[in-house]
Amino acid sequence: MFPTWSQQSGYPLLTVTRNYNTNTFTVTQTFYNDNKTLTSDKTFYVPFNYVSRSKFDFRDTTASHYLLNVKEINITDTAVGADDWLILNKQSTGYYRINYDTRNWQLIADGLVERPTIVHPRNRAQLLYDAYRFVTYDRLEHAILLRLLAYLPGEDQYAPWYIASSIITNYYGYLNGHADYEQFKLFVQSLVSNAYELLQVNDVPGEQFLRKYTRNLVVNLACTFGLENCLVDSNNKLKTVINGGSPIEPNTRSQAYCNGLRHASDTDYNYFYNDLLKSTDTTYKSLLLSGL
């Protein structure tokens, strides 16, 4: 098993093709390359497992099937119904990407919207990241990725939000200034508003560090895409500083200055601009420059 991984570079792409009439599916391995026109005869010893909408136990990550240096295997010992989603690689323990047929991607997207927490957060993150890579290199349609993102109002975990934030930020780079940007902006607001209302802009004493990191991601997205509550709340944190109140927590300081100044009055803006001119603290000046 190990030499197929240690003595050759790269990793495999598993492609899952379902037969919805017989409730079976085929798993095919190819050597993964971003350029899909490049081919290779490399094969790997690939252990894998799967879950479905009917049997969604993500706890046991033991392999149930193997690709033993072969290109393809047909899985017939399954009770996966035609309307069930199917996901390979419980908890993303295997080192490979996974593509599915279009219908299964759609079933996964619909299942995430219906019950997002039924899928393990590591798998939610992998689904988003794999789909984005496939879209980037013309292996998957943009519509599938956007349909996957539509479940985010029910997401509160760091790993999926980290991937989603990267995807949305990349789309922002493409669409900012485009005629369709306003529509995309409203779409992102709809994705992030629930998470923002849950997390808000202030740290909570004693909360887990991943919760803090998730807040930073959500606040940045919410304010970048003009969610009104985020802009107002961030600006209010700056007003607290102006009025001599408590300093902003280090974990949220960058977000508060950058996003709060987007909604600042001339008086607030001038206060921090004058602070910039007077300050001799390099770190503080850098923080102000990023916001101003």
Protein backbone atom coordinates (compact mmCIF):
# COMPACT_ATOMS: atom_id res chain seq x y z
CA MET A 1 0.00 0.00 0.00
CA PHE A 2 2.55 2.58 1.15
CA PRO A 3 4.91 2.51 -1.88
CA THR A 4 2.13 3.76 -4.17
CA TRP A 5 2.12 6.91 -2.04
CA SER A 6 5.79 7.18 -1.02
CA GLN A 7 7.42 6.36 -4.35
CA GLN A 8 5.37 8.57 -6.65
CA SER A 9 4.23 12.17 -6.46
CA GLY A 10 0.72 13.55 -6.35
CA TYR A 11 -2.59 12.08 -5.26
CA PRO A 12 -5.69 10.62 -6.91
CA LEU A 13 -9.01 12.03 -7.99
CA LEU A 14 -11.92 9.70 -7.29
CA THR A 15 -14.90 10.13 -9.57
CA VAL A 16 -18.20 8.71 -8.35
CA THR A 17 -20.81 7.83 -10.95
CA ARG A 18 -24.12 6.53 -9.68
CA ASN A 19 -26.70 4.29 -11.34
CA TYR A 20 -29.95 5.61 -9.91
CA ASN A 21 -31.96 2.71 -11.32
CA THR A 22 -29.96 -0.08 -9.68
CA ASN A 23 -28.82 1.92 -6.60
CA THR A 24 -25.18 1.08 -7.31
CA PHE A 25 -22.21 3.30 -8.04
CA THR A 26 -18.80 3.19 -9.66
CA VAL A 27 -15.63 4.75 -8.23
CA THR A 28 -12.91 5.55 -10.75
CA GLN A 29 -9.44 6.79 -9.85
CA THR A 30 -7.25 9.00 -12.01
CA PHE A 31 -4.10 10.95 -11.18
CA TYR A 32 -5.22 14.43 -10.14
CA ASN A 33 -3.93 17.36 -12.14
CA ASP A 34 -5.50 20.81 -12.27
CA ASN A 35 -5.14 20.61 -16.05
CA LYS A 36 -7.67 17.91 -16.86
CA THR A 37 -6.23 17.38 -20.35
CA LEU A 38 -3.03 15.95 -18.87
CA THR A 39 -3.23 12.22 -18.27
CA SER A 40 -1.14 9.77 -16.28
CA ASP A 41 -1.05 6.00 -15.76
CA LYS A 42 -0.30 6.39 -12.05
CA THR A 43 -2.57 4.49 -9.71
CA PHE A 44 -2.74 4.43 -5.92
CA TYR A 45 -3.79 2.00 -3.27
CA VAL A 46 -6.90 3.85 -2.10
CA PRO A 47 -8.99 2.83 0.91
CA PHE A 48 -12.37 4.54 1.11
CA ASN A 49 -15.75 4.47 2.79
CA TYR A 50 -19.04 6.23 2.24
CA VAL A 51 -22.17 7.53 3.90
CA SER A 52 -25.59 8.38 2.58
CA ARG A 53 -28.70 10.26 3.57
CA SER A 54 -30.19 7.01 4.88
CA LYS A 55 -27.02 5.85 6.69
CA PHE A 56 -25.14 8.91 7.85
CA ASP A 57 -22.82 7.63 10.60
CA PHE A 58 -19.59 9.61 10.14
CA ARG A 59 -17.95 8.24 13.29
CA ASP A 60 -16.46 5.00 11.93
CA THR A 61 -13.75 6.00 9.47
CA THR A 62 -12.58 2.44 8.80
CA ALA A 63 -12.28 1.67 5.10
CA SER A 64 -15.09 -0.44 3.70
CA HIS A 65 -13.73 -0.75 0.15
CA TYR A 66 -10.38 -0.50 -1.64
CA LEU A 67 -8.99 0.45 -5.00
CA LEU A 68 -6.01 -1.93 -5.05
CA ASN A 69 -3.97 -0.24 -7.75
CA VAL A 70 -6.90 -0.58 -10.13
CA LYS A 71 -8.65 2.18 -11.99
CA GLU A 72 -12.25 1.32 -11.16
CA ILE A 73 -14.51 -0.53 -8.77
CA ASN A 74 -18.25 -1.07 -8.90
CA ILE A 75 -20.06 -0.94 -5.55
CA THR A 76 -23.19 -3.08 -5.49
CA ASP A 77 -23.54 -3.86 -1.77
CA THR A 78 -25.35 -0.64 -1.08
CA ALA A 79 -28.75 0.47 0.08
CA VAL A 80 -28.37 4.03 -1.18
CA GLY A 81 -31.73 5.12 -2.57
CA ALA A 82 -32.14 7.12 -5.74
CA ASP A 83 -33.09 10.22 -3.74
CA ASP A 84 -30.29 9.83 -1.19
CA TRP A 85 -27.09 11.84 -1.35
CA LEU A 86 -23.84 9.88 -1.27
CA ILE A 87 -20.56 11.15 0.22
CA LEU A 88 -17.20 9.35 0.16
CA ASN A 89 -14.37 9.72 2.68
CA LYS A 90 -15.84 10.07 6.17
CA GLN A 91 -14.30 13.00 8.04
CA SER A 92 -11.98 13.56 5.05
CA THR A 93 -9.43 11.08 6.41
CA GLY A 94 -8.33 9.96 2.93
CA TYR A 95 -5.87 12.03 0.89
CA TYR A 96 -7.71 12.52 -2.39
CA ARG A 97 -10.27 14.71 -4.10
CA ILE A 98 -13.73 13.45 -4.97
CA ASN A 99 -15.97 14.45 -7.84
CA TYR A 100 -19.55 13.26 -8.24
CA ASP A 101 -22.05 13.12 -11.02
CA THR A 102 -24.22 16.23 -11.33
CA ARG A 103 -27.32 14.70 -9.76
CA ASN A 104 -25.43 13.58 -6.66
CA TRP A 105 -23.88 17.05 -6.25
CA GLN A 106 -27.40 18.47 -6.39
CA LEU A 107 -28.64 15.95 -3.82
CA ILE A 108 -25.74 16.85 -1.52
CA ALA A 109 -26.46 20.57 -1.87
CA ASP A 110 -30.15 20.06 -1.13
CA GLY A 111 -29.32 17.81 1.82
CA LEU A 112 -27.01 20.43 3.32
CA VAL A 113 -29.73 23.06 3.10
CA GLU A 114 -32.22 20.69 4.71
CA ARG A 115 -29.97 19.43 7.55
CA PRO A 116 -26.46 20.91 7.42
CA THR A 117 -25.20 19.35 10.64
CA ILE A 118 -26.00 15.82 9.47
CA VAL A 119 -22.75 15.97 7.45
CA HIS A 120 -19.48 16.11 9.40
CA PRO A 121 -17.90 19.61 9.33
CA ARG A 122 -14.68 18.25 7.80
CA ASN A 123 -16.72 16.80 4.96
CA ARG A 124 -18.63 20.05 4.57
CA ALA A 125 -15.32 21.84 4.18
CA GLN A 126 -13.98 19.26 1.72
CA LEU A 127 -17.13 19.38 -0.39
CA LEU A 128 -16.81 23.15 -0.74
CA TYR A 129 -13.08 23.08 -1.45
CA ASP A 130 -13.22 20.23 -3.95
CA ALA A 131 -16.16 21.83 -5.75
CA TYR A 132 -14.28 25.13 -5.97
CA ARG A 133 -11.19 23.45 -7.42
CA PHE A 134 -13.30 21.59 -9.94
CA VAL A 135 -15.09 24.79 -10.97
CA THR A 136 -11.79 26.65 -11.31
CA TYR A 137 -10.46 24.04 -13.73
CA ASP A 138 -13.67 23.35 -15.68
CA ARG A 139 -14.55 20.03 -14.09
CA LEU A 140 -17.78 21.34 -12.57
CA GLU A 141 -20.32 24.06 -13.33
CA HIS A 142 -20.41 27.27 -11.29
CA ALA A 143 -24.11 26.65 -10.62
CA ILE A 144 -23.27 23.56 -8.55
CA LEU A 145 -20.81 25.47 -6.37
CA LEU A 146 -23.26 28.32 -5.80
CA ARG A 147 -25.93 25.78 -4.94
CA LEU A 148 -23.57 24.24 -2.38
CA LEU A 149 -22.86 27.64 -0.83
CA ALA A 150 -26.59 28.16 -0.30
CA TYR A 151 -26.48 26.03 2.87
CA LEU A 152 -24.21 28.51 4.70
CA PRO A 153 -27.05 30.19 6.65
CA GLY A 154 -27.05 26.98 8.69
CA GLU A 155 -23.26 26.83 9.16
CA ASP A 156 -21.44 27.79 12.37
CA GLN A 157 -18.18 25.82 12.20
CA TYR A 158 -14.74 27.22 11.41
CA ALA A 159 -13.45 24.82 8.73
CA PRO A 160 -16.39 25.23 6.31
CA TRP A 161 -16.46 29.00 6.86
CA TYR A 162 -12.72 29.20 6.23
CA ILE A 163 -13.16 27.53 2.84
CA ALA A 164 -16.33 29.47 2.06
CA SER A 165 -14.63 32.77 2.91
CA SER A 166 -11.80 32.01 0.48
CA ILE A 167 -14.25 31.08 -2.27
CA ILE A 168 -16.42 34.16 -1.76
CA THR A 169 -13.36 36.43 -1.61
CA ASN A 170 -12.15 35.04 -4.93
CA TYR A 171 -15.55 35.61 -6.50
CA TYR A 172 -15.43 39.15 -5.11
CA GLY A 173 -12.20 39.74 -7.00
CA TYR A 174 -13.82 38.62 -10.23
CA LEU A 175 -17.17 40.38 -9.82
CA ASN A 176 -16.35 43.66 -8.04
CA GLY A 177 -17.18 46.40 -10.53
CA HIS A 178 -19.10 43.98 -12.76
CA ALA A 179 -22.75 44.54 -13.68
CA ASP A 180 -23.73 41.44 -11.66
CA TYR A 181 -21.89 42.49 -8.51
CA GLU A 182 -24.95 43.90 -6.70
CA GLN A 183 -26.79 40.62 -7.15
CA PHE A 184 -23.78 38.71 -5.84
CA LYS A 185 -23.52 41.13 -2.90
CA LEU A 186 -27.13 40.41 -1.89
CA PHE A 187 -26.47 36.68 -2.26
CA VAL A 188 -23.50 36.84 0.13
CA GLN A 189 -25.47 38.94 2.61
CA SER A 190 -28.12 36.20 2.66
CA LEU A 191 -25.43 33.58 3.30
CA VAL A 192 -23.68 35.37 6.14
CA SER A 193 -26.49 37.16 8.01
CA ASN A 194 -27.48 34.20 10.25
CA ALA A 195 -23.90 33.51 11.28
CA TYR A 196 -23.34 37.20 11.96
CA GLU A 197 -26.41 37.43 14.20
CA LEU A 198 -25.13 34.38 16.07
CA LEU A 199 -21.52 35.55 16.52
CA GLN A 200 -21.75 39.37 16.49
CA VAL A 201 -18.61 41.56 16.63
CA ASN A 202 -17.58 41.10 20.26
CA ASP A 203 -15.48 38.31 21.72
CA VAL A 204 -17.12 36.25 24.46
CA PRO A 205 -14.96 35.49 27.53
CA GLY A 206 -14.05 31.82 27.77
CA GLU A 207 -15.20 30.81 24.31
CA GLN A 208 -13.13 28.40 22.21
CA PHE A 209 -10.45 29.90 19.97
CA LEU A 210 -12.03 28.44 16.81
CA ARG A 211 -15.18 30.36 17.68
CA LYS A 212 -13.12 33.55 17.70
CA TYR A 213 -11.56 32.70 14.34
CA THR A 214 -14.99 31.96 12.89
CA ARG A 215 -16.22 35.34 14.10
CA ASN A 216 -13.35 37.09 12.31
CA LEU A 217 -14.21 35.36 9.04
CA VAL A 218 -17.92 36.08 9.33
CA VAL A 219 -17.47 39.72 10.37
CA ASN A 220 -15.09 40.37 7.49
CA LEU A 221 -17.52 38.90 4.98
CA ALA A 222 -20.55 40.61 6.50
CA CYS A 223 -18.95 44.05 6.49
CA THR A 224 -17.18 43.65 3.14
CA PHE A 225 -20.52 42.90 1.52
CA GLY A 226 -22.30 45.74 3.27
CA LEU A 227 -24.41 43.97 5.88
CA GLU A 228 -25.82 46.98 7.71
CA ASN A 229 -25.76 45.52 11.22
CA CYS A 230 -22.09 44.62 10.86
CA LEU A 231 -21.09 48.09 9.69
CA VAL A 232 -23.05 49.80 12.47
CA ASP A 233 -21.78 47.47 15.20
CA SER A 234 -18.16 47.82 14.05
CA ASN A 235 -18.48 51.59 13.98
CA ASN A 236 -19.97 51.56 17.48
CA LYS A 237 -16.86 49.75 18.71
CA LEU A 238 -14.76 52.60 17.35
CA LYS A 239 -17.02 55.17 19.01
CA THR A 240 -16.36 53.41 22.30
CA VAL A 241 -12.63 54.02 21.77
CA ILE A 242 -13.25 57.67 20.87
CA ASN A 243 -15.32 58.16 24.01
CA GLY A 244 -12.60 56.71 26.22
CA GLY A 245 -14.25 53.35 26.79
CA SER A 246 -12.77 49.87 26.85
CA PRO A 247 -10.12 49.09 24.23
CA ILE A 248 -11.05 46.74 21.42
CA GLU A 249 -10.07 43.10 21.95
CA PRO A 250 -6.86 42.22 20.06
CA ASN A 251 -8.62 39.38 18.27
CA THR A 252 -11.20 41.70 16.66
CA ARG A 253 -9.17 44.92 16.44
CA SER A 254 -8.25 44.65 12.76
CA GLN A 255 -11.84 43.90 11.75
CA ALA A 256 -13.25 46.68 13.92
CA TYR A 257 -10.97 49.39 12.52
CA CYS A 258 -11.22 48.33 8.89
CA ASN A 259 -14.96 47.70 8.86
CA GLY A 260 -15.96 50.37 11.38
CA LEU A 261 -14.35 53.15 9.35
CA ARG A 262 -16.44 52.18 6.32
CA HIS A 263 -19.46 53.54 8.19
CA ALA A 264 -17.70 56.37 10.01
CA SER A 265 -18.77 59.99 10.15
CA ASP A 266 -16.33 62.73 9.18
CA THR A 267 -15.72 63.40 12.87
CA ASP A 268 -14.86 59.76 13.59
CA TYR A 269 -12.67 59.52 10.52
CA ASN A 270 -10.75 62.68 11.40
CA TYR A 271 -10.22 61.44 14.95
CA PHE A 272 -8.36 58.36 13.74
CA TYR A 273 -6.62 60.24 10.95
CA ASN A 274 -5.16 62.64 13.53
CA ASP A 275 -4.26 59.63 15.68
CA LEU A 276 -2.33 58.27 12.73
CA LEU A 277 -0.36 61.49 12.34
CA LYS A 278 0.49 61.68 16.05
CA SER A 279 1.20 58.03 16.81
CA THR A 280 4.73 56.63 17.07
CA ASP A 281 3.48 53.05 17.50
CA THR A 282 4.29 51.23 14.25
CA THR A 283 1.76 48.46 14.85
CA TYR A 284 -1.04 50.91 15.64
CA LYS A 285 -0.19 53.05 12.63
CA SER A 286 -0.29 49.98 10.39
CA LEU A 287 -3.70 49.11 11.82
CA LEU A 288 -5.01 52.61 11.14
CA LEU A 289 -3.60 52.67 7.62
CA SER A 290 -5.36 49.40 6.78
CA GLY A 291 -8.65 50.91 7.93
CA LEU A 292 -8.31 54.42 6.56
